[in-house]
Amino acid sequence: MMNELIRFFLHDFVLGATIGHLLIDAFARPNQKSEVCVGLAGRDLCQRHNILPVAYLNMSLPRIEGTPTLMNLSQLKEMFFAFGRVLQVLLTRSQNHELSGIRNVETDALDIVPNFFLQWLRDPSILSYISQNIETKQVLDASTYNRALNQIDQHMIAHDVLRQLYLSAFDLELHSNATNYYDAMTKLWSLFTSVPLHNRDFHPCSFEQIFSEQLASAYYSHKWSEMIACDLFNAFKEVGINDKDKIGALGKRFRETILARGGTIGMQELFREFRSRDPSYEHYVQQLTTQF
């Protein structure tokens, strides 16, 4: 099984040295569920002890003998999201192990880079580089891709956004003012939905992310990171996605700020350095209300 791993050496030609390793395990094992996940293979960067970061990308894609392995759009989105996390691990330049990768990144900034890489899939020209009909060799056309994006990303998007905003507000209310969850639920429910609250609706009891996981008073991070990622990506749209020289220069600046120093400097300061201003929700709202 280990022979199926693909190992990449991340080499910086400016430094003239290898700066990290990436392991990709592409295919699912027998009787294993097909899903994409990313994790750390035992260590982060520690320049003081000359330890290089290692990340692995576990794709768990289905394999059919004699047929090329294909990915649907949902799997592709999972991979792009996961690869954003991989680059956070591999491109950090912190000298201290405790500050490298994602170890010291603020909770509400953890998913900014993964969501930023997810934004690239919203541009049909990007997909043209990685898509092809296995029989005709034809690249997926923009109109077909846009229809697929509308079905996945835009379907009932208002309901989904309001649901996330309600859960975020409920989380903050519960950890700041409310004396019990039921008071917080009844106080906020009608502010985010026109559907009456059922008298036997106890959905907070299964709200695991704020009770048994690590997002207590930080559930808003989901939407916050999407908004920041959209603002960051818009910087690339402003210079022109297909302008290789400008995109390359901006990508280098993104690496040297957001990726290289995340965890050592607050994300607010890094954002201001990259965008030369504070974050704005305007681009995110525009994205939510625009169909392809």
C-alpha atoms as a PDB file:
ATOM      1  CA  MET A   1       0.000   0.000   0.000  1.00  0.00           C
ATOM      2  CA  MET A   2       2.834   2.417   0.749  1.00  0.00           C
ATOM      3  CA  ASN A   3       4.066   2.008  -2.839  1.00  0.00           C
ATOM      4  CA  GLU A   4       0.944   3.852  -4.021  1.00  0.00           C
ATOM      5  CA  LEU A   5       1.930   7.057  -2.227  1.00  0.00           C
ATOM      6  CA  ILE A   6       3.136   9.923  -4.401  1.00  0.00           C
ATOM      7  CA  ARG A   7       5.821  12.053  -2.782  1.00  0.00           C
ATOM      8  CA  PHE A   8       6.584  15.623  -3.849  1.00  0.00           C
ATOM      9  CA  PHE A   9       9.630  17.630  -2.829  1.00  0.00           C
ATOM     10  CA  LEU A  10       8.767  21.318  -2.514  1.00  0.00           C
ATOM     11  CA  HIS A  11      11.837  23.180  -3.776  1.00  0.00           C
ATOM     12  CA  ASP A  12      12.444  26.919  -3.528  1.00  0.00           C
ATOM     13  CA  PHE A  13      14.703  27.910  -6.431  1.00  0.00           C
ATOM     14  CA  VAL A  14      15.439  31.306  -4.874  1.00  0.00           C
ATOM     15  CA  LEU A  15      16.706  29.694  -1.677  1.00  0.00           C
ATOM     16  CA  GLY A  16      18.142  26.762  -3.593  1.00  0.00           C
ATOM     17  CA  ALA A  17      16.764  24.288  -1.081  1.00  0.00           C
ATOM     18  CA  THR A  18      13.918  21.883  -0.406  1.00  0.00           C
ATOM     19  CA  ILE A  19      11.444  23.512   1.988  1.00  0.00           C
ATOM     20  CA  GLY A  20       8.872  20.758   2.518  1.00  0.00           C
ATOM     21  CA  HIS A  21       7.363  17.455   1.466  1.00  0.00           C
ATOM     22  CA  LEU A  22       3.878  16.518   0.291  1.00  0.00           C
ATOM     23  CA  LEU A  23       2.517  12.976   0.302  1.00  0.00           C
ATOM     24  CA  ILE A  24      -0.552  12.213  -1.813  1.00  0.00           C
ATOM     25  CA  ASP A  25      -2.521   9.034  -1.245  1.00  0.00           C
ATOM     26  CA  ALA A  26      -4.931   9.201  -4.158  1.00  0.00           C
ATOM     27  CA  PHE A  27      -7.010   6.024  -4.061  1.00  0.00           C
ATOM     28  CA  ALA A  28      -9.384   4.532  -1.534  1.00  0.00           C
ATOM     29  CA  ARG A  29      -8.536   1.213   0.065  1.00  0.00           C
ATOM     30  CA  PRO A  30     -10.955  -1.706  -0.376  1.00  0.00           C
ATOM     31  CA  ASN A  31     -14.209  -1.120   1.533  1.00  0.00           C
ATOM     32  CA  GLN A  32     -13.134   2.425   2.388  1.00  0.00           C
ATOM     33  CA  LYS A  33     -15.442   5.412   1.975  1.00  0.00           C
ATOM     34  CA  SER A  34     -14.467   7.819  -0.806  1.00  0.00           C
ATOM     35  CA  GLU A  35     -13.726  11.239   0.662  1.00  0.00           C
ATOM     36  CA  VAL A  36     -11.026  13.902   0.653  1.00  0.00           C
ATOM     37  CA  CYS A  37      -9.138  14.875   3.776  1.00  0.00           C
ATOM     38  CA  VAL A  38      -5.864  16.524   4.651  1.00  0.00           C
ATOM     39  CA  GLY A  39      -3.638  16.163   7.647  1.00  0.00           C
ATOM     40  CA  LEU A  40      -0.135  16.584   8.999  1.00  0.00           C
ATOM     41  CA  ALA A  41       2.278  13.712   8.646  1.00  0.00           C
ATOM     42  CA  GLY A  42       3.884  14.058  12.034  1.00  0.00           C
ATOM     43  CA  ARG A  43       5.604  17.436  11.976  1.00  0.00           C
ATOM     44  CA  ASP A  44       5.534  21.145  11.170  1.00  0.00           C
ATOM     45  CA  LEU A  45       8.400  23.394  10.180  1.00  0.00           C
ATOM     46  CA  CYS A  46      11.103  24.124  12.753  1.00  0.00           C
ATOM     47  CA  GLN A  47      13.967  26.085  11.238  1.00  0.00           C
ATOM     48  CA  ARG A  48      15.947  26.137  14.477  1.00  0.00           C
ATOM     49  CA  HIS A  49      16.348  22.344  14.310  1.00  0.00           C
ATOM     50  CA  ASN A  50      16.348  22.064  10.499  1.00  0.00           C
ATOM     51  CA  ILE A  51      13.069  20.120  10.462  1.00  0.00           C
ATOM     52  CA  LEU A  52      11.071  20.429   7.244  1.00  0.00           C
ATOM     53  CA  PRO A  53       7.257  20.358   7.223  1.00  0.00           C
ATOM     54  CA  VAL A  54       5.491  17.302   5.853  1.00  0.00           C
ATOM     55  CA  ALA A  55       1.834  17.249   4.805  1.00  0.00           C
ATOM     56  CA  TYR A  56      -0.287  14.510   3.326  1.00  0.00           C
ATOM     57  CA  LEU A  57      -3.350  14.691   1.117  1.00  0.00           C
ATOM     58  CA  ASN A  58      -5.592  11.653   1.432  1.00  0.00           C
ATOM     59  CA  MET A  59      -7.860  11.659  -1.616  1.00  0.00           C
ATOM     60  CA  SER A  60      -9.582   8.265  -1.199  1.00  0.00           C
ATOM     61  CA  LEU A  61     -10.804   8.358  -4.803  1.00  0.00           C
ATOM     62  CA  PRO A  62     -12.589   5.312  -6.246  1.00  0.00           C
ATOM     63  CA  ARG A  63     -10.503   3.253  -8.637  1.00  0.00           C
ATOM     64  CA  ILE A  64     -11.970   1.249 -11.527  1.00  0.00           C
ATOM     65  CA  GLU A  65      -9.545  -0.952 -13.434  1.00  0.00           C
ATOM     66  CA  GLY A  66      -9.119   0.072 -17.059  1.00  0.00           C
ATOM     67  CA  THR A  67     -10.860   3.434 -16.601  1.00  0.00           C
ATOM     68  CA  PRO A  68      -9.266   6.790 -15.735  1.00  0.00           C
ATOM     69  CA  THR A  69     -10.200   8.038 -12.280  1.00  0.00           C
ATOM     70  CA  LEU A  70     -12.572  10.989 -12.517  1.00  0.00           C
ATOM     71  CA  MET A  71     -13.592  13.593  -9.947  1.00  0.00           C
ATOM     72  CA  ASN A  72     -16.967  15.271  -9.744  1.00  0.00           C
ATOM     73  CA  LEU A  73     -17.293  18.944  -8.885  1.00  0.00           C
ATOM     74  CA  SER A  74     -17.965  18.305  -5.208  1.00  0.00           C
ATOM     75  CA  GLN A  75     -14.808  16.201  -4.903  1.00  0.00           C
ATOM     76  CA  LEU A  76     -12.837  18.851  -6.758  1.00  0.00           C
ATOM     77  CA  LYS A  77     -14.037  21.501  -4.311  1.00  0.00           C
ATOM     78  CA  GLU A  78     -12.992  19.337  -1.384  1.00  0.00           C
ATOM     79  CA  MET A  79      -9.546  18.880  -2.932  1.00  0.00           C
ATOM     80  CA  PHE A  80      -9.025  22.604  -3.547  1.00  0.00           C
ATOM     81  CA  PHE A  81     -10.114  23.381   0.018  1.00  0.00           C
ATOM     82  CA  ALA A  82      -7.758  20.743   1.398  1.00  0.00           C
ATOM     83  CA  PHE A  83      -4.871  21.920  -0.769  1.00  0.00           C
ATOM     84  CA  GLY A  84      -5.211  25.382   0.713  1.00  0.00           C
ATOM     85  CA  ARG A  85      -4.575  23.801   4.115  1.00  0.00           C
ATOM     86  CA  VAL A  86      -1.578  21.928   2.678  1.00  0.00           C
ATOM     87  CA  LEU A  87       0.040  25.169   1.516  1.00  0.00           C
ATOM     88  CA  GLN A  88      -0.509  26.735   4.934  1.00  0.00           C
ATOM     89  CA  VAL A  89       1.576  23.905   6.354  1.00  0.00           C
ATOM     90  CA  LEU A  90       4.286  23.792   3.692  1.00  0.00           C
ATOM     91  CA  LEU A  91       4.897  27.473   2.948  1.00  0.00           C
ATOM     92  CA  THR A  92       5.165  28.813   6.477  1.00  0.00           C
ATOM     93  CA  ARG A  93       8.494  30.517   7.207  1.00  0.00           C
ATOM     94  CA  SER A  94       8.307  30.707  10.985  1.00  0.00           C
ATOM     95  CA  GLN A  95      11.507  29.797  12.796  1.00  0.00           C
ATOM     96  CA  ASN A  96       9.599  28.332  15.733  1.00  0.00           C
ATOM     97  CA  HIS A  97       7.698  25.065  15.638  1.00  0.00           C
ATOM     98  CA  GLU A  98       4.939  26.437  17.874  1.00  0.00           C
ATOM     99  CA  LEU A  99       4.204  29.270  15.418  1.00  0.00           C
ATOM    100  CA  SER A 100       4.490  27.373  12.138  1.00  0.00           C
ATOM    101  CA  GLY A 101       1.760  26.121   9.837  1.00  0.00           C
ATOM    102  CA  ILE A 102      -1.660  26.607  11.401  1.00  0.00           C
ATOM    103  CA  ARG A 103      -0.608  26.156  15.034  1.00  0.00           C
ATOM    104  CA  ASN A 104      -0.948  29.798  16.050  1.00  0.00           C
ATOM    105  CA  VAL A 105      -3.445  31.044  13.470  1.00  0.00           C
ATOM    106  CA  GLU A 106      -6.545  32.645  14.997  1.00  0.00           C
ATOM    107  CA  THR A 107      -9.588  30.382  15.071  1.00  0.00           C
ATOM    108  CA  ASP A 108     -11.616  32.655  12.806  1.00  0.00           C
ATOM    109  CA  ALA A 109      -8.741  32.759  10.291  1.00  0.00           C
ATOM    110  CA  LEU A 110      -7.994  29.031  10.030  1.00  0.00           C
ATOM    111  CA  ASP A 111     -10.163  28.468   6.958  1.00  0.00           C
ATOM    112  CA  ILE A 112      -9.355  31.678   5.088  1.00  0.00           C
ATOM    113  CA  VAL A 113      -6.638  30.150   2.902  1.00  0.00           C
ATOM    114  CA  PRO A 114      -8.605  26.939   2.130  1.00  0.00           C
ATOM    115  CA  ASN A 115     -11.624  29.059   1.171  1.00  0.00           C
ATOM    116  CA  PHE A 116      -9.362  31.315  -0.884  1.00  0.00           C
ATOM    117  CA  PHE A 117      -8.206  28.361  -2.978  1.00  0.00           C
ATOM    118  CA  LEU A 118     -11.808  27.262  -3.315  1.00  0.00           C
ATOM    119  CA  GLN A 119     -12.542  30.620  -4.943  1.00  0.00           C
ATOM    120  CA  TRP A 120     -10.378  29.720  -7.934  1.00  0.00           C
ATOM    121  CA  LEU A 121     -12.914  27.096  -8.973  1.00  0.00           C
ATOM    122  CA  ARG A 122     -15.442  29.855  -9.572  1.00  0.00           C
ATOM    123  CA  ASP A 123     -13.497  30.927 -12.667  1.00  0.00           C
ATOM    124  CA  PRO A 124     -14.203  28.678 -15.697  1.00  0.00           C
ATOM    125  CA  SER A 125     -10.784  29.431 -17.181  1.00  0.00           C
ATOM    126  CA  ILE A 126      -9.149  27.661 -14.242  1.00  0.00           C
ATOM    127  CA  LEU A 127     -11.167  24.505 -14.805  1.00  0.00           C
ATOM    128  CA  SER A 128     -10.176  24.481 -18.471  1.00  0.00           C
ATOM    129  CA  TYR A 129      -6.633  23.628 -17.354  1.00  0.00           C
ATOM    130  CA  ILE A 130      -7.675  20.525 -15.428  1.00  0.00           C
ATOM    131  CA  SER A 131     -10.783  19.188 -17.212  1.00  0.00           C
ATOM    132  CA  GLN A 132     -11.113  17.034 -20.296  1.00  0.00           C
ATOM    133  CA  ASN A 133     -13.557  14.515 -21.714  1.00  0.00           C
ATOM    134  CA  ILE A 134     -11.750  11.176 -21.521  1.00  0.00           C
ATOM    135  CA  GLU A 135     -13.115  10.124 -24.923  1.00  0.00           C
ATOM    136  CA  THR A 136     -13.313  13.285 -27.046  1.00  0.00           C
ATOM    137  CA  LYS A 137     -10.533  15.192 -25.200  1.00  0.00           C
ATOM    138  CA  GLN A 138     -12.840  18.217 -25.228  1.00  0.00           C
ATOM    139  CA  VAL A 139     -12.450  20.715 -22.396  1.00  0.00           C
ATOM    140  CA  LEU A 140     -15.550  21.429 -20.317  1.00  0.00           C
ATOM    141  CA  ASP A 141     -17.161  24.549 -21.769  1.00  0.00           C
ATOM    142  CA  ALA A 142     -17.921  27.580 -19.610  1.00  0.00           C
ATOM    143  CA  SER A 143     -21.722  27.421 -19.985  1.00  0.00           C
ATOM    144  CA  THR A 144     -21.914  23.811 -18.776  1.00  0.00           C
ATOM    145  CA  TYR A 145     -19.599  24.561 -15.877  1.00  0.00           C
ATOM    146  CA  ASN A 146     -21.577  27.643 -14.875  1.00  0.00           C
ATOM    147  CA  ARG A 147     -24.814  25.637 -14.828  1.00  0.00           C
ATOM    148  CA  ALA A 148     -23.175  23.087 -12.541  1.00  0.00           C
ATOM    149  CA  LEU A 149     -21.926  25.831 -10.217  1.00  0.00           C
ATOM    150  CA  ASN A 150     -25.387  27.381 -10.060  1.00  0.00           C
ATOM    151  CA  GLN A 151     -26.887  24.044  -9.079  1.00  0.00           C
ATOM    152  CA  ILE A 152     -24.319  23.420  -6.342  1.00  0.00           C
ATOM    153  CA  ASP A 153     -23.478  26.884  -5.000  1.00  0.00           C
ATOM    154  CA  GLN A 154     -26.562  28.990  -5.698  1.00  0.00           C
ATOM    155  CA  HIS A 155     -29.391  26.553  -4.934  1.00  0.00           C
ATOM    156  CA  MET A 156     -31.252  27.870  -1.857  1.00  0.00           C
ATOM    157  CA  ILE A 157     -28.223  29.984  -1.045  1.00  0.00           C
ATOM    158  CA  ALA A 158     -30.246  32.604   0.866  1.00  0.00           C
ATOM    159  CA  HIS A 159     -31.659  29.919   3.153  1.00  0.00           C
ATOM    160  CA  ASP A 160     -28.212  28.426   3.749  1.00  0.00           C
ATOM    161  CA  VAL A 161     -26.591  31.784   4.514  1.00  0.00           C
ATOM    162  CA  LEU A 162     -29.357  32.796   6.920  1.00  0.00           C
ATOM    163  CA  ARG A 163     -29.086  29.424   8.629  1.00  0.00           C
ATOM    164  CA  GLN A 164     -25.355  29.904   9.162  1.00  0.00           C
ATOM    165  CA  LEU A 165     -25.871  33.460  10.389  1.00  0.00           C
ATOM    166  CA  TYR A 166     -28.503  32.261  12.850  1.00  0.00           C
ATOM    167  CA  LEU A 167     -26.219  29.542  14.216  1.00  0.00           C
ATOM    168  CA  SER A 168     -23.387  32.068  14.518  1.00  0.00           C
ATOM    169  CA  ALA A 169     -25.600  34.523  16.398  1.00  0.00           C
ATOM    170  CA  PHE A 170     -26.946  31.733  18.620  1.00  0.00           C
ATOM    171  CA  ASP A 171     -23.416  30.645  19.491  1.00  0.00           C
ATOM    172  CA  LEU A 172     -22.348  34.170  20.430  1.00  0.00           C
ATOM    173  CA  GLU A 173     -25.531  34.799  22.410  1.00  0.00           C
ATOM    174  CA  LEU A 174     -25.128  31.544  24.290  1.00  0.00           C
ATOM    175  CA  HIS A 175     -21.556  32.368  25.291  1.00  0.00           C
ATOM    176  CA  SER A 176     -22.170  35.991  26.223  1.00  0.00           C
ATOM    177  CA  ASN A 177     -25.654  36.856  27.464  1.00  0.00           C
ATOM    178  CA  ALA A 178     -28.058  33.918  27.552  1.00  0.00           C
ATOM    179  CA  THR A 179     -28.812  32.057  30.770  1.00  0.00           C
ATOM    180  CA  ASN A 180     -29.939  28.945  28.874  1.00  0.00           C
ATOM    181  CA  TYR A 181     -30.020  27.740  25.282  1.00  0.00           C
ATOM    182  CA  TYR A 182     -33.818  27.872  24.912  1.00  0.00           C
ATOM    183  CA  ASP A 183     -33.958  31.590  25.659  1.00  0.00           C
ATOM    184  CA  ALA A 184     -31.251  32.261  23.082  1.00  0.00           C
ATOM    185  CA  MET A 185     -33.002  30.093  20.505  1.00  0.00           C
ATOM    186  CA  THR A 186     -36.415  31.733  20.850  1.00  0.00           C
ATOM    187  CA  LYS A 187     -34.872  35.208  20.929  1.00  0.00           C
ATOM    188  CA  LEU A 188     -32.969  34.807  17.654  1.00  0.00           C
ATOM    189  CA  TRP A 189     -34.984  32.355  15.567  1.00  0.00           C
ATOM    190  CA  SER A 190     -37.510  34.793  14.117  1.00  0.00           C
ATOM    191  CA  LEU A 191     -34.761  37.281  13.218  1.00  0.00           C
ATOM    192  CA  PHE A 192     -33.305  34.909  10.625  1.00  0.00           C
ATOM    193  CA  THR A 193     -36.233  32.891   9.283  1.00  0.00           C
ATOM    194  CA  SER A 194     -39.931  33.273   8.566  1.00  0.00           C
ATOM    195  CA  VAL A 195     -40.603  29.610   9.365  1.00  0.00           C
ATOM    196  CA  PRO A 196     -42.175  29.300  12.836  1.00  0.00           C
ATOM    197  CA  LEU A 197     -40.103  27.529  15.462  1.00  0.00           C
ATOM    198  CA  HIS A 198     -41.622  24.137  16.246  1.00  0.00           C
ATOM    199  CA  ASN A 199     -42.359  23.622  19.921  1.00  0.00           C
ATOM    200  CA  ARG A 200     -40.386  20.366  19.868  1.00  0.00           C
ATOM    201  CA  ASP A 201     -37.401  21.718  17.954  1.00  0.00           C
ATOM    202  CA  PHE A 202     -34.307  21.111  20.068  1.00  0.00           C
ATOM    203  CA  HIS A 203     -31.635  21.511  17.396  1.00  0.00           C
ATOM    204  CA  PRO A 204     -29.124  23.141  19.805  1.00  0.00           C
ATOM    205  CA  CYS A 205     -28.778  19.779  21.547  1.00  0.00           C
ATOM    206  CA  SER A 206     -26.972  18.437  18.475  1.00  0.00           C
ATOM    207  CA  PHE A 207     -24.888  21.554  17.846  1.00  0.00           C
ATOM    208  CA  GLU A 208     -21.666  19.607  18.384  1.00  0.00           C
ATOM    209  CA  GLN A 209     -19.260  22.173  16.954  1.00  0.00           C
ATOM    210  CA  ILE A 210     -19.792  24.621  19.823  1.00  0.00           C
ATOM    211  CA  PHE A 211     -20.256  22.101  22.626  1.00  0.00           C
ATOM    212  CA  SER A 212     -17.882  19.188  22.068  1.00  0.00           C
ATOM    213  CA  GLU A 213     -15.549  20.569  19.414  1.00  0.00           C
ATOM    214  CA  GLN A 214     -13.411  23.703  19.196  1.00  0.00           C
ATOM    215  CA  LEU A 215     -15.756  26.404  17.919  1.00  0.00           C
ATOM    216  CA  ALA A 216     -17.351  27.602  21.139  1.00  0.00           C
ATOM    217  CA  SER A 217     -18.140  31.301  20.562  1.00  0.00           C
ATOM    218  CA  ALA A 218     -16.371  30.991  17.187  1.00  0.00           C
ATOM    219  CA  TYR A 219     -18.922  29.365  14.878  1.00  0.00           C
ATOM    220  CA  TYR A 220     -19.072  32.637  12.953  1.00  0.00           C
ATOM    221  CA  SER A 221     -15.612  31.684  11.646  1.00  0.00           C
ATOM    222  CA  HIS A 222     -17.218  29.719   8.808  1.00  0.00           C
ATOM    223  CA  LYS A 223     -18.850  32.750   7.210  1.00  0.00           C
ATOM    224  CA  TRP A 224     -16.121  35.155   8.267  1.00  0.00           C
ATOM    225  CA  SER A 225     -13.432  33.102   6.542  1.00  0.00           C
ATOM    226  CA  GLU A 226     -15.539  32.861   3.374  1.00  0.00           C
ATOM    227  CA  MET A 227     -15.950  36.639   3.313  1.00  0.00           C
ATOM    228  CA  ILE A 228     -12.231  37.322   3.840  1.00  0.00           C
ATOM    229  CA  ALA A 229     -11.292  34.707   1.236  1.00  0.00           C
ATOM    230  CA  CYS A 230     -13.621  36.314  -1.301  1.00  0.00           C
ATOM    231  CA  ASP A 231     -12.044  39.716  -0.646  1.00  0.00           C
ATOM    232  CA  LEU A 232      -8.536  38.281  -1.055  1.00  0.00           C
ATOM    233  CA  PHE A 233      -9.451  36.518  -4.285  1.00  0.00           C
ATOM    234  CA  ASN A 234     -10.934  39.696  -5.701  1.00  0.00           C
ATOM    235  CA  ALA A 235      -7.420  41.179  -5.652  1.00  0.00           C
ATOM    236  CA  PHE A 236      -6.474  38.591  -8.274  1.00  0.00           C
ATOM    237  CA  LYS A 237      -9.586  39.325 -10.309  1.00  0.00           C
ATOM    238  CA  GLU A 238      -8.714  43.012 -10.286  1.00  0.00           C
ATOM    239  CA  VAL A 239      -5.338  42.418 -11.964  1.00  0.00           C
ATOM    240  CA  GLY A 240      -6.807  39.899 -14.425  1.00  0.00           C
ATOM    241  CA  ILE A 241      -6.909  36.143 -13.874  1.00  0.00           C
ATOM    242  CA  ASN A 242      -5.315  35.444 -17.265  1.00  0.00           C
ATOM    243  CA  ASP A 243      -2.494  37.985 -16.933  1.00  0.00           C
ATOM    244  CA  LYS A 244       0.303  35.596 -15.969  1.00  0.00           C
ATOM    245  CA  ASP A 245       2.855  38.266 -15.081  1.00  0.00           C
ATOM    246  CA  LYS A 246       0.547  40.231 -12.772  1.00  0.00           C
ATOM    247  CA  ILE A 247      -0.957  37.078 -11.266  1.00  0.00           C
ATOM    248  CA  GLY A 248       2.530  35.715 -10.638  1.00  0.00           C
ATOM    249  CA  ALA A 249       3.653  38.888  -8.883  1.00  0.00           C
ATOM    250  CA  LEU A 250       0.493  39.030  -6.780  1.00  0.00           C
ATOM    251  CA  GLY A 251       0.749  35.328  -5.975  1.00  0.00           C
ATOM    252  CA  LYS A 252       4.297  35.858  -4.730  1.00  0.00           C
ATOM    253  CA  ARG A 253       3.083  38.660  -2.464  1.00  0.00           C
ATOM    254  CA  PHE A 254       0.258  36.429  -1.207  1.00  0.00           C
ATOM    255  CA  ARG A 255       2.789  33.742  -0.364  1.00  0.00           C
ATOM    256  CA  GLU A 256       5.132  36.163   1.400  1.00  0.00           C
ATOM    257  CA  THR A 257       2.348  37.626   3.543  1.00  0.00           C
ATOM    258  CA  ILE A 258      -0.656  35.366   4.145  1.00  0.00           C
ATOM    259  CA  LEU A 259       1.115  32.010   3.745  1.00  0.00           C
ATOM    260  CA  ALA A 260       4.646  32.646   4.978  1.00  0.00           C
ATOM    261  CA  ARG A 261       3.782  34.660   8.094  1.00  0.00           C
ATOM    262  CA  GLY A 262       0.416  33.263   9.118  1.00  0.00           C
ATOM    263  CA  GLY A 263       0.664  32.286  12.781  1.00  0.00           C
ATOM    264  CA  THR A 264       3.458  34.749  13.543  1.00  0.00           C
ATOM    265  CA  ILE A 265       1.474  37.912  12.746  1.00  0.00           C
ATOM    266  CA  GLY A 266      -2.255  38.470  13.207  1.00  0.00           C
ATOM    267  CA  MET A 267      -4.406  37.904  10.145  1.00  0.00           C
ATOM    268  CA  GLN A 268      -5.847  41.411  10.398  1.00  0.00           C
ATOM    269  CA  GLU A 269      -2.395  42.923   9.970  1.00  0.00           C
ATOM    270  CA  LEU A 270      -1.487  40.515   7.157  1.00  0.00           C
ATOM    271  CA  PHE A 271      -4.726  41.316   5.337  1.00  0.00           C
ATOM    272  CA  ARG A 272      -4.060  45.042   5.583  1.00  0.00           C
ATOM    273  CA  GLU A 273      -0.550  44.513   4.251  1.00  0.00           C
ATOM    274  CA  PHE A 274      -1.817  42.485   1.295  1.00  0.00           C
ATOM    275  CA  ARG A 275      -4.918  44.540   0.418  1.00  0.00           C
ATOM    276  CA  SER A 276      -3.790  47.922   1.782  1.00  0.00           C
ATOM    277  CA  ARG A 277      -7.129  48.337   3.558  1.00  0.00           C
ATOM    278  CA  ASP A 278      -9.491  46.672   6.025  1.00  0.00           C
ATOM    279  CA  PRO A 279     -11.739  43.778   4.923  1.00  0.00           C
ATOM    280  CA  SER A 280     -14.984  44.524   3.096  1.00  0.00           C
ATOM    281  CA  TYR A 281     -18.079  42.351   2.795  1.00  0.00           C
ATOM    282  CA  GLU A 282     -19.128  43.925  -0.528  1.00  0.00           C
ATOM    283  CA  HIS A 283     -17.417  41.352  -2.756  1.00  0.00           C
ATOM    284  CA  TYR A 284     -18.916  38.476  -0.780  1.00  0.00           C
ATOM    285  CA  VAL A 285     -22.433  39.893  -0.995  1.00  0.00           C
ATOM    286  CA  GLN A 286     -21.968  40.425  -4.720  1.00  0.00           C
ATOM    287  CA  GLN A 287     -20.847  36.831  -5.108  1.00  0.00           C
ATOM    288  CA  LEU A 288     -23.849  35.519  -3.189  1.00  0.00           C
ATOM    289  CA  THR A 289     -26.289  37.471  -5.344  1.00  0.00           C
ATOM    290  CA  THR A 290     -24.699  36.802  -8.740  1.00  0.00           C
ATOM    291  CA  GLN A 291     -25.656  33.846 -10.882  1.00  0.00           C
ATOM    292  CA  PHE A 292     -23.262  32.459 -13.439  1.00  0.00           C
END
